[in-house]
N, C-alpha and C. Protein backbone atom coordinates (compact mmCIF):
# COMPACT_ATOMS: atom_id res chain seq x y z
N UNK A 1 -0.13 -12.15 -11.54
CA UNK A 1 -0.90 -11.91 -10.34
C UNK A 1 -0.33 -10.68 -9.64
N UNK A 2 -1.15 -9.70 -9.31
CA UNK A 2 -0.63 -8.46 -8.71
C UNK A 2 -0.22 -8.65 -7.26
N UNK A 3 0.79 -7.91 -6.88
CA UNK A 3 1.13 -7.80 -5.46
C UNK A 3 0.25 -6.70 -4.89
N UNK A 4 -0.28 -6.89 -3.73
CA UNK A 4 -1.14 -5.90 -3.10
C UNK A 4 -0.42 -5.37 -1.88
N UNK A 5 -0.25 -4.06 -1.81
CA UNK A 5 0.50 -3.46 -0.72
C UNK A 5 -0.39 -2.58 0.13
N UNK A 6 -0.02 -2.45 1.37
CA UNK A 6 -0.78 -1.60 2.28
C UNK A 6 0.20 -0.79 3.10
N UNK A 7 -0.04 0.50 3.19
CA UNK A 7 0.71 1.34 4.09
C UNK A 7 -0.22 1.65 5.26
N UNK A 8 0.04 1.09 6.38
CA UNK A 8 -0.85 1.28 7.53
C UNK A 8 -0.26 2.31 8.47
N UNK A 9 -0.74 3.51 8.39
CA UNK A 9 -0.26 4.58 9.25
C UNK A 9 -1.38 5.12 10.15
N UNK A 10 -2.61 4.77 9.83
CA UNK A 10 -3.73 5.32 10.59
C UNK A 10 -3.77 4.71 11.98
N UNK A 11 -3.97 5.54 12.98
CA UNK A 11 -4.06 5.08 14.36
C UNK A 11 -5.52 4.82 14.70
N UNK A 12 -5.75 3.99 15.67
CA UNK A 12 -7.11 3.73 16.10
C UNK A 12 -7.88 2.82 15.17
N UNK A 13 -7.21 1.87 14.55
CA UNK A 13 -7.90 0.97 13.63
C UNK A 13 -8.52 -0.22 14.33
N UNK A 14 -8.21 -0.41 15.59
CA UNK A 14 -8.70 -1.58 16.31
C UNK A 14 -10.20 -1.53 16.53
N UNK A 15 -10.75 -2.67 16.86
CA UNK A 15 -12.19 -2.72 17.10
C UNK A 15 -12.53 -1.91 18.33
N UNK A 16 -13.65 -1.27 18.31
CA UNK A 16 -14.09 -0.47 19.43
C UNK A 16 -13.47 0.91 19.50
N UNK A 17 -12.64 1.25 18.55
CA UNK A 17 -12.03 2.57 18.58
C UNK A 17 -12.99 3.60 18.00
N UNK A 18 -13.02 4.77 18.59
CA UNK A 18 -13.93 5.80 18.08
C UNK A 18 -13.41 6.43 16.79
N UNK A 19 -14.30 7.04 16.07
CA UNK A 19 -13.91 7.76 14.87
C UNK A 19 -13.80 6.86 13.66
N UNK A 20 -13.38 7.46 12.58
CA UNK A 20 -13.24 6.74 11.32
C UNK A 20 -11.82 6.85 10.83
N UNK A 21 -11.42 5.88 10.06
CA UNK A 21 -10.08 5.85 9.50
C UNK A 21 -10.15 6.30 8.05
N UNK A 22 -9.29 7.22 7.66
CA UNK A 22 -9.22 7.67 6.27
C UNK A 22 -8.39 6.66 5.48
N UNK A 23 -8.94 6.20 4.37
CA UNK A 23 -8.27 5.20 3.54
C UNK A 23 -8.20 5.73 2.11
N UNK A 24 -7.03 5.62 1.52
CA UNK A 24 -6.82 5.98 0.12
C UNK A 24 -6.59 4.71 -0.66
N UNK A 25 -7.47 4.40 -1.62
CA UNK A 25 -7.35 3.21 -2.44
C UNK A 25 -6.82 3.60 -3.82
N UNK A 26 -5.79 2.90 -4.26
CA UNK A 26 -5.17 3.20 -5.56
C UNK A 26 -5.01 1.92 -6.36
N UNK A 27 -5.42 1.96 -7.62
CA UNK A 27 -5.26 0.82 -8.51
C UNK A 27 -4.26 1.19 -9.60
N UNK A 28 -3.10 0.54 -9.58
CA UNK A 28 -2.04 0.78 -10.55
C UNK A 28 -1.70 2.28 -10.69
N UNK A 29 -1.35 2.95 -9.60
CA UNK A 29 -1.12 4.40 -9.67
C UNK A 29 0.08 4.81 -10.52
N UNK A 30 0.99 3.90 -10.79
CA UNK A 30 2.17 4.27 -11.57
C UNK A 30 2.27 3.53 -12.90
N UNK A 31 1.20 2.87 -13.30
CA UNK A 31 1.23 2.14 -14.57
C UNK A 31 1.52 3.09 -15.72
N UNK A 32 2.48 2.75 -16.54
CA UNK A 32 2.82 3.56 -17.70
C UNK A 32 3.72 4.74 -17.43
N UNK A 33 4.15 4.93 -16.19
CA UNK A 33 5.03 6.05 -15.86
C UNK A 33 6.49 5.60 -15.88
N UNK A 34 7.39 6.54 -16.14
CA UNK A 34 8.81 6.20 -16.10
C UNK A 34 9.26 6.09 -14.63
N UNK A 35 10.49 5.63 -14.43
CA UNK A 35 10.97 5.37 -13.08
C UNK A 35 11.07 6.63 -12.22
N UNK A 36 11.38 7.75 -12.84
CA UNK A 36 11.48 9.00 -12.08
C UNK A 36 10.12 9.39 -11.51
N UNK A 37 9.09 9.34 -12.34
CA UNK A 37 7.74 9.67 -11.86
C UNK A 37 7.24 8.63 -10.86
N UNK A 38 7.55 7.36 -11.09
CA UNK A 38 7.15 6.32 -10.15
C UNK A 38 7.74 6.60 -8.77
N UNK A 39 9.02 6.97 -8.72
CA UNK A 39 9.67 7.27 -7.45
C UNK A 39 9.05 8.48 -6.77
N UNK A 40 8.70 9.50 -7.55
CA UNK A 40 8.04 10.68 -6.99
C UNK A 40 6.67 10.33 -6.41
N UNK A 41 5.93 9.48 -7.10
CA UNK A 41 4.62 9.04 -6.61
C UNK A 41 4.79 8.26 -5.30
N UNK A 42 5.79 7.37 -5.26
CA UNK A 42 6.05 6.60 -4.04
C UNK A 42 6.37 7.52 -2.86
N UNK A 43 7.19 8.52 -3.09
CA UNK A 43 7.51 9.48 -2.02
C UNK A 43 6.27 10.26 -1.58
N UNK A 44 5.45 10.66 -2.53
CA UNK A 44 4.22 11.38 -2.21
C UNK A 44 3.27 10.51 -1.39
N UNK A 45 3.13 9.26 -1.75
CA UNK A 45 2.25 8.36 -1.00
C UNK A 45 2.73 8.17 0.43
N UNK A 46 4.04 8.01 0.60
CA UNK A 46 4.60 7.90 1.95
C UNK A 46 4.32 9.17 2.76
N UNK A 47 4.55 10.32 2.13
CA UNK A 47 4.32 11.59 2.81
C UNK A 47 2.85 11.74 3.21
N UNK A 48 1.94 11.44 2.29
CA UNK A 48 0.51 11.54 2.59
C UNK A 48 0.10 10.60 3.71
N UNK A 49 0.60 9.38 3.67
CA UNK A 49 0.24 8.41 4.70
C UNK A 49 0.66 8.90 6.09
N UNK A 50 1.83 9.48 6.16
CA UNK A 50 2.36 9.94 7.44
C UNK A 50 1.73 11.27 7.87
N UNK A 51 1.73 12.23 6.99
CA UNK A 51 1.29 13.58 7.37
C UNK A 51 -0.22 13.70 7.55
N UNK A 52 -0.98 12.90 6.83
CA UNK A 52 -2.45 12.98 6.92
C UNK A 52 -3.06 11.81 7.67
N UNK A 53 -2.20 10.95 8.22
CA UNK A 53 -2.68 9.82 9.00
C UNK A 53 -3.63 8.94 8.17
N UNK A 54 -3.19 8.61 6.97
CA UNK A 54 -4.00 7.81 6.05
C UNK A 54 -3.54 6.36 6.03
N UNK A 55 -4.48 5.47 5.82
CA UNK A 55 -4.14 4.10 5.45
C UNK A 55 -4.21 4.07 3.92
N UNK A 56 -3.14 3.64 3.28
CA UNK A 56 -3.09 3.62 1.81
C UNK A 56 -3.07 2.17 1.35
N UNK A 57 -3.97 1.84 0.44
CA UNK A 57 -4.04 0.49 -0.12
C UNK A 57 -3.72 0.59 -1.60
N UNK A 58 -2.69 -0.15 -2.03
CA UNK A 58 -2.27 -0.13 -3.44
C UNK A 58 -2.59 -1.47 -4.09
N UNK A 59 -3.08 -1.40 -5.30
CA UNK A 59 -3.15 -2.58 -6.16
C UNK A 59 -2.14 -2.34 -7.27
N UNK A 60 -1.13 -3.21 -7.38
CA UNK A 60 -0.08 -2.96 -8.36
C UNK A 60 0.60 -4.25 -8.79
N UNK A 61 1.15 -4.23 -9.98
CA UNK A 61 1.98 -5.31 -10.47
C UNK A 61 3.46 -4.93 -10.35
N UNK A 62 3.76 -3.79 -9.78
CA UNK A 62 5.10 -3.24 -9.73
C UNK A 62 5.78 -3.53 -8.39
N UNK A 63 6.64 -4.55 -8.32
CA UNK A 63 7.29 -4.88 -7.05
C UNK A 63 8.21 -3.77 -6.54
N UNK A 64 8.73 -2.95 -7.43
CA UNK A 64 9.57 -1.83 -7.01
C UNK A 64 8.75 -0.80 -6.23
N UNK A 65 7.53 -0.55 -6.68
CA UNK A 65 6.64 0.37 -5.96
C UNK A 65 6.29 -0.19 -4.59
N UNK A 66 6.04 -1.48 -4.52
CA UNK A 66 5.74 -2.12 -3.23
C UNK A 66 6.90 -1.92 -2.27
N UNK A 67 8.10 -2.21 -2.72
CA UNK A 67 9.29 -2.06 -1.87
C UNK A 67 9.49 -0.60 -1.45
N UNK A 68 9.17 0.34 -2.34
CA UNK A 68 9.42 1.75 -2.07
C UNK A 68 8.45 2.35 -1.06
N UNK A 69 7.22 1.86 -1.00
CA UNK A 69 6.27 2.60 -0.17
C UNK A 69 5.36 1.76 0.71
N UNK A 70 5.65 0.49 0.91
CA UNK A 70 4.76 -0.33 1.73
C UNK A 70 5.41 -0.75 3.04
N UNK A 71 4.61 -0.77 4.09
CA UNK A 71 5.03 -1.34 5.37
C UNK A 71 4.81 -2.85 5.36
N UNK A 72 3.76 -3.28 4.67
CA UNK A 72 3.41 -4.69 4.55
C UNK A 72 2.95 -4.94 3.13
N UNK A 73 3.11 -6.17 2.67
CA UNK A 73 2.51 -6.50 1.39
C UNK A 73 1.78 -7.82 1.50
N UNK A 74 0.88 -8.01 0.58
CA UNK A 74 0.06 -9.22 0.55
C UNK A 74 -0.09 -9.66 -0.89
N UNK A 75 0.24 -10.90 -1.14
CA UNK A 75 0.03 -11.47 -2.47
C UNK A 75 -1.24 -12.30 -2.39
N UNK A 76 -2.20 -12.05 -3.25
CA UNK A 76 -3.47 -12.80 -3.19
C UNK A 76 -3.24 -14.29 -3.37
N UNK A 77 -4.15 -15.05 -2.80
CA UNK A 77 -4.07 -16.51 -2.92
C UNK A 77 -4.39 -16.94 -4.35
N UNK A 78 -3.67 -17.93 -4.79
CA UNK A 78 -4.01 -18.57 -6.06
C UNK A 78 -4.89 -19.77 -5.75
N UNK A 79 -5.54 -20.27 -6.73
CA UNK A 79 -6.43 -21.40 -6.52
C UNK A 79 -5.69 -22.55 -5.83
N UNK A 80 -6.19 -22.95 -4.67
CA UNK A 80 -5.60 -24.06 -3.94
C UNK A 80 -4.39 -23.68 -3.09
N UNK A 81 -3.98 -22.42 -3.06
CA UNK A 81 -2.83 -22.00 -2.29
C UNK A 81 -3.21 -20.83 -1.36
N UNK A 82 -2.48 -20.69 -0.28
CA UNK A 82 -2.69 -19.57 0.63
C UNK A 82 -1.96 -18.34 0.12
N UNK A 83 -2.52 -17.17 0.37
CA UNK A 83 -1.83 -15.93 0.04
C UNK A 83 -0.63 -15.72 0.94
N UNK A 84 0.28 -14.88 0.53
CA UNK A 84 1.48 -14.62 1.31
C UNK A 84 1.44 -13.19 1.85
N UNK A 85 1.91 -13.03 3.08
CA UNK A 85 1.99 -11.70 3.69
C UNK A 85 3.35 -11.56 4.32
N UNK A 86 3.92 -10.38 4.22
CA UNK A 86 5.20 -10.13 4.86
C UNK A 86 5.31 -8.67 5.25
N UNK A 87 6.05 -8.43 6.30
CA UNK A 87 6.35 -7.06 6.71
C UNK A 87 7.58 -6.59 5.99
N UNK A 88 7.61 -5.34 5.62
CA UNK A 88 8.75 -4.75 4.93
C UNK A 88 9.38 -3.71 5.83
N UNK A 89 10.66 -3.52 5.73
CA UNK A 89 11.32 -2.51 6.56
C UNK A 89 11.82 -1.39 5.71
């Protein structure tokens, strides 16, 4: 079951806020890459989220990537169970 991570950097996401939020959706962005490239991708995603005010949503099976670049993560619910959410520092 994949861990789903979200980097929430976009401001004004609340209801009633004007404008639109830029969102970057990625599905397994580091699948098949070595650890050096995975780390570079994680750094790039963090930089993009901050510098471009993007909300980044990752779908990944890689817990190392989640730890490297997520503010929060969410594990989808399994049948009969609640999903888990936690903040990361």
